[in-house]
Amino acid sequence: MSQTDLEIVVDDPTAPEDDSPAVVSSGSVEIVVCLLLLALAVTLGYDNWRTGASWDATGPEPGYFPFYLSIILGGGSLYGLIVALLARRAASGTFVTRAQARRVMAVFVPTLLFCLVTQFLGLYVASFLLIAGFMRLVGKIALWKSLLTALVFTAIMFVTFDIAFDVIMPKGPLEAAFGH
């Protein structure tokens, strides 16, 4: 047996169970996404039509190209919706199981909280909390390593953006206390 024939299989102890119940089917997700895209296309189409979606003496008005792009998006959404509705009669597979959704939410919820916390505590404090929290709670990494990594990364971000490139970033009360 040559080395290229060997297959290494590593089990992930945190992988979701195979017998986890389905949360939602693929067909349902396709229909919802098509409806959301259709609503976006209608909104954009109306707004660009209101802005001006024709030609005037100087050429196209501001909403001309976006209006026709919204028509293309709406047409694609309608096509996808019809296909999804016709395919719904056939068996639809599972889009996400409960265990998979739990893993996705373990990333989505802290990221959403990061966006909210950034508004009040600033980018650097929020980044520190996000990195340390992910490393500790999701990665199960030692507390001191999590805190040290988050501190070093946040310090590098601060030096890079605030000092080296003088980029205005969202700041909170901690930065204000240090005069930045």
N, C-alpha and C. Protein backbone atom coordinates (compact mmCIF):
# COMPACT_ATOMS: atom_id res chain seq x y z
N MET A 1 0.85 -1.18 0.00
CA MET A 1 0.00 0.00 0.00
C MET A 1 0.90 1.24 0.00
N SER A 2 0.64 2.14 -0.93
CA SER A 2 1.45 3.34 -1.00
C SER A 2 0.93 4.39 -0.03
N GLN A 3 1.72 5.41 0.19
CA GLN A 3 1.35 6.47 1.12
C GLN A 3 0.12 7.23 0.62
N THR A 4 -0.08 7.30 -0.70
CA THR A 4 -1.22 8.07 -1.22
C THR A 4 -2.54 7.37 -1.00
N ASP A 5 -2.51 6.07 -0.70
CA ASP A 5 -3.75 5.32 -0.48
C ASP A 5 -4.25 5.43 0.95
N LEU A 6 -3.44 5.96 1.84
CA LEU A 6 -3.84 6.08 3.23
C LEU A 6 -4.84 7.21 3.39
N GLU A 7 -5.82 6.97 4.20
CA GLU A 7 -6.80 8.00 4.51
C GLU A 7 -6.83 8.20 6.01
N ILE A 8 -6.67 9.44 6.42
CA ILE A 8 -6.69 9.75 7.83
C ILE A 8 -8.06 10.31 8.17
N VAL A 9 -8.71 9.69 9.12
CA VAL A 9 -10.03 10.14 9.54
C VAL A 9 -9.93 10.62 10.98
N VAL A 10 -10.35 11.84 11.20
CA VAL A 10 -10.32 12.41 12.54
C VAL A 10 -11.74 12.79 12.90
N ASP A 11 -12.23 12.27 13.99
CA ASP A 11 -13.57 12.60 14.44
C ASP A 11 -13.57 13.91 15.19
N ASP A 12 -14.56 14.72 14.94
CA ASP A 12 -14.72 15.99 15.64
C ASP A 12 -15.65 15.75 16.82
N PRO A 13 -15.13 15.84 18.04
CA PRO A 13 -15.99 15.57 19.20
C PRO A 13 -17.10 16.59 19.37
N THR A 14 -16.96 17.75 18.74
CA THR A 14 -18.00 18.78 18.88
C THR A 14 -18.94 18.81 17.68
N ALA A 15 -18.80 17.84 16.76
CA ALA A 15 -19.66 17.81 15.58
C ALA A 15 -21.11 17.54 15.99
N PRO A 16 -22.07 18.12 15.26
CA PRO A 16 -23.47 17.88 15.61
C PRO A 16 -23.87 16.42 15.39
N GLU A 17 -24.82 15.98 16.19
CA GLU A 17 -25.28 14.59 16.10
C GLU A 17 -25.97 14.36 14.76
N ASP A 18 -25.87 13.14 14.25
CA ASP A 18 -26.52 12.80 12.99
C ASP A 18 -28.03 12.66 13.15
N ASP A 19 -28.49 12.37 14.35
CA ASP A 19 -29.93 12.14 14.56
C ASP A 19 -30.66 13.38 15.08
N SER A 20 -30.08 14.55 14.92
CA SER A 20 -30.71 15.78 15.38
C SER A 20 -31.94 16.09 14.52
N PRO A 21 -33.05 16.50 15.13
CA PRO A 21 -34.26 16.77 14.35
C PRO A 21 -34.11 18.02 13.47
N ALA A 22 -34.83 18.01 12.36
CA ALA A 22 -34.78 19.12 11.42
C ALA A 22 -35.50 20.34 12.01
N VAL A 23 -34.95 21.52 11.76
CA VAL A 23 -35.58 22.76 12.18
C VAL A 23 -36.42 23.31 11.04
N VAL A 24 -35.87 23.26 9.84
CA VAL A 24 -36.56 23.81 8.68
C VAL A 24 -36.09 23.07 7.43
N SER A 25 -36.96 22.98 6.44
CA SER A 25 -36.62 22.29 5.20
C SER A 25 -35.98 23.25 4.21
N SER A 26 -35.26 22.70 3.25
CA SER A 26 -34.62 23.52 2.22
C SER A 26 -35.66 24.28 1.39
N GLY A 27 -36.77 23.63 1.10
CA GLY A 27 -37.82 24.26 0.30
C GLY A 27 -38.38 25.50 0.98
N SER A 28 -38.60 25.41 2.27
CA SER A 28 -39.14 26.57 3.01
C SER A 28 -38.16 27.73 3.00
N VAL A 29 -36.88 27.43 3.17
CA VAL A 29 -35.86 28.48 3.16
C VAL A 29 -35.79 29.12 1.77
N GLU A 30 -35.86 28.31 0.72
CA GLU A 30 -35.83 28.86 -0.64
C GLU A 30 -37.00 29.80 -0.88
N ILE A 31 -38.17 29.44 -0.42
CA ILE A 31 -39.35 30.28 -0.61
C ILE A 31 -39.21 31.59 0.15
N VAL A 32 -38.77 31.53 1.39
CA VAL A 32 -38.60 32.74 2.20
C VAL A 32 -37.55 33.66 1.58
N VAL A 33 -36.43 33.10 1.14
CA VAL A 33 -35.37 33.91 0.54
C VAL A 33 -35.87 34.56 -0.75
N CYS A 34 -36.58 33.82 -1.58
CA CYS A 34 -37.12 34.39 -2.82
C CYS A 34 -38.11 35.51 -2.52
N LEU A 35 -38.95 35.33 -1.51
CA LEU A 35 -39.90 36.39 -1.14
C LEU A 35 -39.18 37.64 -0.62
N LEU A 36 -38.14 37.44 0.18
CA LEU A 36 -37.37 38.58 0.69
C LEU A 36 -36.66 39.32 -0.45
N LEU A 37 -36.08 38.57 -1.38
CA LEU A 37 -35.42 39.20 -2.52
C LEU A 37 -36.43 39.91 -3.42
N LEU A 38 -37.62 39.33 -3.56
CA LEU A 38 -38.66 39.98 -4.35
C LEU A 38 -39.10 41.29 -3.68
N ALA A 39 -39.24 41.27 -2.36
CA ALA A 39 -39.59 42.50 -1.63
C ALA A 39 -38.49 43.55 -1.79
N LEU A 40 -37.24 43.13 -1.74
CA LEU A 40 -36.13 44.06 -1.95
C LEU A 40 -36.17 44.62 -3.36
N ALA A 41 -36.43 43.78 -4.35
CA ALA A 41 -36.50 44.24 -5.74
C ALA A 41 -37.62 45.24 -5.94
N VAL A 42 -38.78 44.99 -5.34
CA VAL A 42 -39.91 45.92 -5.47
C VAL A 42 -39.57 47.25 -4.81
N THR A 43 -38.98 47.19 -3.62
CA THR A 43 -38.60 48.42 -2.91
C THR A 43 -37.59 49.23 -3.70
N LEU A 44 -36.55 48.56 -4.18
CA LEU A 44 -35.52 49.25 -4.96
C LEU A 44 -36.09 49.77 -6.28
N GLY A 45 -36.94 48.96 -6.93
CA GLY A 45 -37.55 49.38 -8.18
C GLY A 45 -38.40 50.62 -8.00
N TYR A 46 -39.22 50.64 -6.96
CA TYR A 46 -40.06 51.80 -6.71
C TYR A 46 -39.22 53.04 -6.42
N ASP A 47 -38.22 52.90 -5.57
CA ASP A 47 -37.39 54.04 -5.19
C ASP A 47 -36.62 54.58 -6.39
N ASN A 48 -36.10 53.70 -7.22
CA ASN A 48 -35.36 54.16 -8.39
C ASN A 48 -36.29 54.72 -9.46
N TRP A 49 -37.49 54.22 -9.58
CA TRP A 49 -38.48 54.78 -10.50
C TRP A 49 -38.85 56.19 -10.04
N ARG A 50 -39.00 56.34 -8.71
CA ARG A 50 -39.32 57.65 -8.14
C ARG A 50 -38.19 58.64 -8.38
N THR A 51 -36.94 58.17 -8.31
CA THR A 51 -35.78 59.02 -8.52
C THR A 51 -35.65 59.43 -9.99
N GLY A 52 -36.07 58.54 -10.86
CA GLY A 52 -35.98 58.80 -12.30
C GLY A 52 -35.35 57.62 -13.00
N ALA A 53 -36.14 56.89 -13.77
CA ALA A 53 -35.65 55.67 -14.40
C ALA A 53 -35.75 55.75 -15.92
N SER A 54 -35.63 56.94 -16.46
CA SER A 54 -35.71 57.08 -17.92
C SER A 54 -34.54 57.92 -18.41
N TRP A 55 -34.59 58.27 -19.69
CA TRP A 55 -33.56 59.11 -20.29
C TRP A 55 -34.08 60.54 -20.34
N ASP A 56 -33.18 61.47 -20.10
CA ASP A 56 -33.53 62.87 -20.32
C ASP A 56 -32.55 63.43 -21.36
N ALA A 57 -32.50 64.71 -21.50
CA ALA A 57 -31.66 65.32 -22.54
C ALA A 57 -30.17 65.05 -22.34
N THR A 58 -29.74 64.83 -21.11
CA THR A 58 -28.32 64.61 -20.83
C THR A 58 -27.94 63.14 -20.72
N GLY A 59 -28.90 62.25 -20.82
CA GLY A 59 -28.61 60.82 -20.71
C GLY A 59 -29.51 60.17 -19.67
N PRO A 60 -29.04 59.06 -19.12
CA PRO A 60 -29.89 58.34 -18.15
C PRO A 60 -30.04 59.12 -16.85
N GLU A 61 -31.24 59.05 -16.30
CA GLU A 61 -31.48 59.65 -14.99
C GLU A 61 -30.84 58.78 -13.91
N PRO A 62 -30.73 59.30 -12.68
CA PRO A 62 -30.00 58.57 -11.63
C PRO A 62 -30.52 57.17 -11.33
N GLY A 63 -31.82 56.92 -11.50
CA GLY A 63 -32.35 55.61 -11.15
C GLY A 63 -32.47 54.65 -12.31
N TYR A 64 -31.95 55.04 -13.49
CA TYR A 64 -32.14 54.23 -14.70
C TYR A 64 -31.55 52.82 -14.56
N PHE A 65 -30.25 52.73 -14.33
CA PHE A 65 -29.60 51.43 -14.25
C PHE A 65 -30.04 50.64 -13.01
N PRO A 66 -30.10 51.26 -11.84
CA PRO A 66 -30.58 50.49 -10.68
C PRO A 66 -32.02 49.98 -10.85
N PHE A 67 -32.84 50.77 -11.54
CA PHE A 67 -34.23 50.32 -11.77
C PHE A 67 -34.24 49.03 -12.57
N TYR A 68 -33.48 48.98 -13.63
CA TYR A 68 -33.47 47.77 -14.46
C TYR A 68 -32.76 46.61 -13.77
N LEU A 69 -31.81 46.91 -12.92
CA LEU A 69 -31.21 45.84 -12.12
C LEU A 69 -32.23 45.28 -11.13
N SER A 70 -33.07 46.14 -10.58
CA SER A 70 -34.11 45.65 -9.67
C SER A 70 -35.15 44.82 -10.42
N ILE A 71 -35.40 45.14 -11.67
CA ILE A 71 -36.32 44.32 -12.49
C ILE A 71 -35.71 42.94 -12.71
N ILE A 72 -34.40 42.90 -12.99
CA ILE A 72 -33.73 41.61 -13.17
C ILE A 72 -33.76 40.81 -11.87
N LEU A 73 -33.50 41.48 -10.73
CA LEU A 73 -33.56 40.81 -9.43
C LEU A 73 -34.97 40.29 -9.16
N GLY A 74 -35.99 41.10 -9.46
CA GLY A 74 -37.37 40.66 -9.26
C GLY A 74 -37.72 39.48 -10.14
N GLY A 75 -37.28 39.52 -11.40
CA GLY A 75 -37.53 38.39 -12.30
C GLY A 75 -36.87 37.11 -11.81
N GLY A 76 -35.63 37.23 -11.38
CA GLY A 76 -34.93 36.07 -10.83
C GLY A 76 -35.60 35.55 -9.57
N SER A 77 -36.09 36.45 -8.75
CA SER A 77 -36.78 36.05 -7.52
C SER A 77 -38.09 35.34 -7.84
N LEU A 78 -38.83 35.86 -8.80
CA LEU A 78 -40.08 35.21 -9.20
C LEU A 78 -39.80 33.83 -9.79
N TYR A 79 -38.79 33.72 -10.62
CA TYR A 79 -38.42 32.42 -11.18
C TYR A 79 -38.07 31.44 -10.07
N GLY A 80 -37.21 31.88 -9.13
CA GLY A 80 -36.84 31.01 -8.02
C GLY A 80 -38.03 30.63 -7.16
N LEU A 81 -38.95 31.56 -6.96
CA LEU A 81 -40.14 31.28 -6.17
C LEU A 81 -41.02 30.24 -6.86
N ILE A 82 -41.21 30.38 -8.17
CA ILE A 82 -42.03 29.40 -8.91
C ILE A 82 -41.38 28.03 -8.88
N VAL A 83 -40.07 27.98 -9.12
CA VAL A 83 -39.36 26.70 -9.07
C VAL A 83 -39.46 26.08 -7.69
N ALA A 84 -39.29 26.89 -6.64
CA ALA A 84 -39.36 26.37 -5.26
C ALA A 84 -40.76 25.87 -4.94
N LEU A 85 -41.78 26.58 -5.40
CA LEU A 85 -43.15 26.14 -5.13
C LEU A 85 -43.49 24.86 -5.90
N LEU A 86 -43.03 24.74 -7.13
CA LEU A 86 -43.29 23.52 -7.90
C LEU A 86 -42.49 22.35 -7.34
N ALA A 87 -41.28 22.60 -6.87
CA ALA A 87 -40.45 21.53 -6.31
C ALA A 87 -40.90 21.13 -4.92
N ARG A 88 -41.72 21.96 -4.29
CA ARG A 88 -42.17 21.68 -2.93
C ARG A 88 -42.99 20.40 -2.86
N ARG A 89 -43.61 20.07 -3.98
CA ARG A 89 -44.41 18.83 -4.02
C ARG A 89 -43.51 17.61 -3.87
N ALA A 90 -42.29 17.71 -4.36
CA ALA A 90 -41.34 16.62 -4.19
C ALA A 90 -40.78 16.69 -2.76
N ALA A 91 -40.15 15.63 -2.34
CA ALA A 91 -39.58 15.60 -0.99
C ALA A 91 -38.48 16.64 -0.88
N SER A 92 -38.54 17.47 0.13
CA SER A 92 -37.55 18.52 0.35
C SER A 92 -36.62 18.09 1.47
N GLY A 93 -35.33 18.29 1.24
CA GLY A 93 -34.34 17.89 2.24
C GLY A 93 -34.29 18.85 3.41
N THR A 94 -33.57 18.45 4.41
CA THR A 94 -33.40 19.27 5.60
C THR A 94 -32.41 20.38 5.31
N PHE A 95 -32.77 21.61 5.64
CA PHE A 95 -31.85 22.74 5.48
C PHE A 95 -30.89 22.81 6.65
N VAL A 96 -31.44 22.71 7.85
CA VAL A 96 -30.61 22.78 9.05
C VAL A 96 -31.27 21.95 10.15
N THR A 97 -30.43 21.24 10.91
CA THR A 97 -30.93 20.49 12.04
C THR A 97 -30.80 21.34 13.30
N ARG A 98 -31.40 20.89 14.37
CA ARG A 98 -31.35 21.64 15.63
C ARG A 98 -29.91 21.78 16.12
N ALA A 99 -29.11 20.73 16.01
CA ALA A 99 -27.72 20.79 16.46
C ALA A 99 -26.91 21.75 15.59
N GLN A 100 -27.16 21.74 14.28
CA GLN A 100 -26.45 22.66 13.39
C GLN A 100 -26.86 24.10 13.68
N ALA A 101 -28.13 24.32 13.89
CA ALA A 101 -28.61 25.67 14.20
C ALA A 101 -28.00 26.18 15.50
N ARG A 102 -27.84 25.30 16.47
CA ARG A 102 -27.22 25.67 17.75
C ARG A 102 -25.78 26.13 17.52
N ARG A 103 -25.06 25.43 16.66
CA ARG A 103 -23.67 25.81 16.37
C ARG A 103 -23.60 27.14 15.63
N VAL A 104 -24.52 27.36 14.71
CA VAL A 104 -24.55 28.63 13.99
C VAL A 104 -24.88 29.77 14.95
N MET A 105 -25.83 29.56 15.83
CA MET A 105 -26.21 30.59 16.79
C MET A 105 -25.08 30.89 17.78
N ALA A 106 -24.23 29.88 18.03
CA ALA A 106 -23.09 30.10 18.92
C ALA A 106 -22.11 31.11 18.33
N VAL A 107 -22.16 31.31 17.02
CA VAL A 107 -21.32 32.31 16.37
C VAL A 107 -22.13 33.58 16.09
N PHE A 108 -23.36 33.41 15.64
CA PHE A 108 -24.18 34.56 15.23
C PHE A 108 -24.52 35.48 16.40
N VAL A 109 -24.96 34.93 17.51
CA VAL A 109 -25.40 35.75 18.65
C VAL A 109 -24.25 36.59 19.20
N PRO A 110 -23.06 36.02 19.47
CA PRO A 110 -21.97 36.87 19.94
C PRO A 110 -21.55 37.94 18.92
N THR A 111 -21.62 37.61 17.64
CA THR A 111 -21.27 38.59 16.61
C THR A 111 -22.28 39.72 16.58
N LEU A 112 -23.55 39.40 16.73
CA LEU A 112 -24.59 40.43 16.80
C LEU A 112 -24.39 41.30 18.04
N LEU A 113 -24.09 40.67 19.16
CA LEU A 113 -23.83 41.42 20.38
C LEU A 113 -22.59 42.31 20.22
N PHE A 114 -21.58 41.82 19.49
CA PHE A 114 -20.39 42.62 19.21
C PHE A 114 -20.77 43.91 18.49
N CYS A 115 -21.65 43.79 17.50
CA CYS A 115 -22.09 44.98 16.76
C CYS A 115 -22.81 45.97 17.67
N LEU A 116 -23.64 45.46 18.56
CA LEU A 116 -24.36 46.34 19.49
C LEU A 116 -23.42 46.95 20.52
N VAL A 117 -22.53 46.15 21.08
CA VAL A 117 -21.61 46.63 22.11
C VAL A 117 -20.64 47.66 21.53
N THR A 118 -20.28 47.51 20.25
CA THR A 118 -19.38 48.47 19.61
C THR A 118 -19.96 49.88 19.67
N GLN A 119 -21.27 50.01 19.59
CA GLN A 119 -21.91 51.32 19.62
C GLN A 119 -21.73 52.02 20.96
N PHE A 120 -21.60 51.24 22.03
CA PHE A 120 -21.54 51.83 23.37
C PHE A 120 -20.14 51.81 23.98
N LEU A 121 -19.38 50.75 23.73
CA LEU A 121 -18.06 50.62 24.33
C LEU A 121 -16.92 50.87 23.36
N GLY A 122 -17.22 51.02 22.09
CA GLY A 122 -16.19 51.25 21.09
C GLY A 122 -15.70 49.95 20.49
N LEU A 123 -15.00 50.07 19.37
CA LEU A 123 -14.55 48.91 18.61
C LEU A 123 -13.52 48.08 19.37
N TYR A 124 -12.62 48.73 20.06
CA TYR A 124 -11.51 48.00 20.68
C TYR A 124 -11.96 47.19 21.88
N VAL A 125 -12.78 47.76 22.73
CA VAL A 125 -13.28 47.00 23.90
C VAL A 125 -14.18 45.87 23.42
N ALA A 126 -15.04 46.15 22.44
CA ALA A 126 -15.92 45.12 21.91
C ALA A 126 -15.12 44.00 21.26
N SER A 127 -14.05 44.34 20.53
CA SER A 127 -13.20 43.33 19.91
C SER A 127 -12.51 42.47 20.96
N PHE A 128 -12.03 43.12 22.01
CA PHE A 128 -11.40 42.38 23.11
C PHE A 128 -12.37 41.37 23.70
N LEU A 129 -13.59 41.81 23.99
CA LEU A 129 -14.59 40.92 24.58
C LEU A 129 -14.97 39.79 23.63
N LEU A 130 -15.12 40.09 22.34
CA LEU A 130 -15.49 39.07 21.36
C LEU A 130 -14.40 38.02 21.22
N ILE A 131 -13.16 38.45 21.07
CA ILE A 131 -12.07 37.51 20.88
C ILE A 131 -11.86 36.65 22.12
N ALA A 132 -11.82 37.31 23.28
CA ALA A 132 -11.62 36.55 24.52
C ALA A 132 -12.79 35.60 24.76
N GLY A 133 -14.00 36.07 24.50
CA GLY A 133 -15.18 35.22 24.70
C GLY A 133 -15.20 34.02 23.77
N PHE A 134 -14.91 34.24 22.50
CA PHE A 134 -14.88 33.12 21.56
C PHE A 134 -13.81 32.12 21.93
N MET A 135 -12.63 32.61 22.24
CA MET A 135 -11.55 31.69 22.56
C MET A 135 -11.87 30.87 23.80
N ARG A 136 -12.45 31.51 24.79
CA ARG A 136 -12.73 30.83 26.06
C ARG A 136 -13.95 29.92 25.97
N LEU A 137 -15.07 30.46 25.46
CA LEU A 137 -16.32 29.71 25.49
C LEU A 137 -16.48 28.73 24.34
N VAL A 138 -16.10 29.14 23.14
CA VAL A 138 -16.25 28.25 21.99
C VAL A 138 -15.02 27.37 21.82
N GLY A 139 -13.84 27.98 21.92
CA GLY A 139 -12.61 27.23 21.71
C GLY A 139 -12.10 26.47 22.91
N LYS A 140 -12.66 26.75 24.09
CA LYS A 140 -12.26 26.09 25.34
C LYS A 140 -10.76 26.26 25.60
N ILE A 141 -10.25 27.45 25.29
CA ILE A 141 -8.84 27.76 25.49
C ILE A 141 -8.68 28.37 26.87
N ALA A 142 -7.54 28.16 27.47
CA ALA A 142 -7.27 28.65 28.82
C ALA A 142 -7.56 30.15 28.92
N LEU A 143 -8.05 30.57 30.08
CA LEU A 143 -8.45 31.96 30.28
C LEU A 143 -7.30 32.92 30.03
N TRP A 144 -6.12 32.62 30.56
CA TRP A 144 -5.00 33.54 30.40
C TRP A 144 -4.58 33.67 28.94
N LYS A 145 -4.65 32.57 28.17
CA LYS A 145 -4.31 32.63 26.75
C LYS A 145 -5.36 33.45 25.99
N SER A 146 -6.61 33.27 26.36
CA SER A 146 -7.69 34.01 25.70
C SER A 146 -7.55 35.50 25.95
N LEU A 147 -7.31 35.88 27.20
CA LEU A 147 -7.17 37.29 27.54
C LEU A 147 -5.92 37.90 26.91
N LEU A 148 -4.83 37.17 26.93
CA LEU A 148 -3.59 37.68 26.35
C LEU A 148 -3.72 37.86 24.84
N THR A 149 -4.29 36.88 24.16
CA THR A 149 -4.48 36.98 22.71
C THR A 149 -5.39 38.14 22.36
N ALA A 150 -6.49 38.28 23.08
CA ALA A 150 -7.42 39.37 22.82
C ALA A 150 -6.75 40.72 23.07
N LEU A 151 -5.96 40.82 24.12
CA LEU A 151 -5.27 42.07 24.43
C LEU A 151 -4.24 42.42 23.35
N VAL A 152 -3.44 41.44 22.93
CA VAL A 152 -2.42 41.69 21.91
C VAL A 152 -3.08 42.07 20.59
N PHE A 153 -4.11 41.33 20.19
CA PHE A 153 -4.79 41.63 18.93
C PHE A 153 -5.43 43.02 18.96
N THR A 154 -6.08 43.35 20.06
CA THR A 154 -6.72 44.66 20.17
C THR A 154 -5.67 45.77 20.17
N ALA A 155 -4.55 45.55 20.84
CA ALA A 155 -3.48 46.55 20.85
C ALA A 155 -2.91 46.75 19.44
N ILE A 156 -2.73 45.66 18.70
CA ILE A 156 -2.23 45.77 17.32
C ILE A 156 -3.24 46.52 16.46
N MET A 157 -4.52 46.23 16.65
CA MET A 157 -5.56 46.97 15.91
C MET A 157 -5.50 48.46 16.22
N PHE A 158 -5.36 48.78 17.50
CA PHE A 158 -5.32 50.19 17.91
C PHE A 158 -4.11 50.90 17.29
N VAL A 159 -2.95 50.28 17.40
CA VAL A 159 -1.73 50.89 16.85
C VAL A 159 -1.86 51.04 15.33
N THR A 160 -2.37 50.02 14.67
CA THR A 160 -2.48 50.07 13.22
C THR A 160 -3.46 51.15 12.77
N PHE A 161 -4.67 51.11 13.29
CA PHE A 161 -5.71 52.02 12.79
C PHE A 161 -5.61 53.42 13.38
N ASP A 162 -5.47 53.54 14.68
CA ASP A 162 -5.52 54.85 15.32
C ASP A 162 -4.21 55.62 15.22
N ILE A 163 -3.10 54.91 15.36
CA ILE A 163 -1.82 55.61 15.41
C ILE A 163 -1.16 55.64 14.02
N ALA A 164 -0.98 54.49 13.39
CA ALA A 164 -0.24 54.43 12.13
C ALA A 164 -1.02 55.08 10.98
N PHE A 165 -2.29 54.74 10.83
CA PHE A 165 -3.06 55.23 9.69
C PHE A 165 -4.05 56.33 10.04
N ASP A 166 -4.18 56.65 11.31
CA ASP A 166 -5.07 57.72 11.78
C ASP A 166 -6.49 57.57 11.22
N VAL A 167 -7.00 56.35 11.31
CA VAL A 167 -8.36 56.06 10.85
C VAL A 167 -9.31 56.28 12.01
N ILE A 168 -10.41 56.95 11.74
CA ILE A 168 -11.40 57.19 12.80
C ILE A 168 -12.22 55.92 12.99
N MET A 169 -12.14 55.36 14.17
CA MET A 169 -12.88 54.14 14.52
C MET A 169 -13.84 54.46 15.65
N PRO A 170 -14.90 53.67 15.79
CA PRO A 170 -15.83 53.90 16.90
C PRO A 170 -15.12 53.73 18.24
N LYS A 171 -15.22 54.74 19.07
CA LYS A 171 -14.55 54.70 20.37
C LYS A 171 -15.58 54.80 21.48
N GLY A 172 -15.21 54.29 22.63
CA GLY A 172 -16.10 54.29 23.76
C GLY A 172 -15.49 55.03 24.94
N PRO A 173 -16.05 54.80 26.13
CA PRO A 173 -15.59 55.53 27.31
C PRO A 173 -14.15 55.20 27.72
N LEU A 174 -13.67 54.00 27.45
CA LEU A 174 -12.29 53.64 27.83
C LEU A 174 -11.28 54.46 27.02
N GLU A 175 -11.51 54.57 25.73
CA GLU A 175 -10.62 55.37 24.90
C GLU A 175 -10.68 56.84 25.30
N ALA A 176 -11.89 57.33 25.64
CA ALA A 176 -12.05 58.72 26.07
C ALA A 176 -11.29 58.96 27.37
N ALA A 177 -11.28 57.98 28.26
CA ALA A 177 -10.56 58.11 29.53
C ALA A 177 -9.06 58.24 29.30
N PHE A 178 -8.56 57.62 28.24
CA PHE A 178 -7.12 57.70 27.91
C PHE A 178 -6.82 58.85 26.96
N GLY A 179 -7.81 59.63 26.62
CA GLY A 179 -7.60 60.81 25.77
C GLY A 179 -7.57 60.54 24.30
N HIS A 180 -8.15 59.47 23.85
CA HIS A 180 -8.18 59.18 22.39
C HIS A 180 -9.57 59.33 21.86
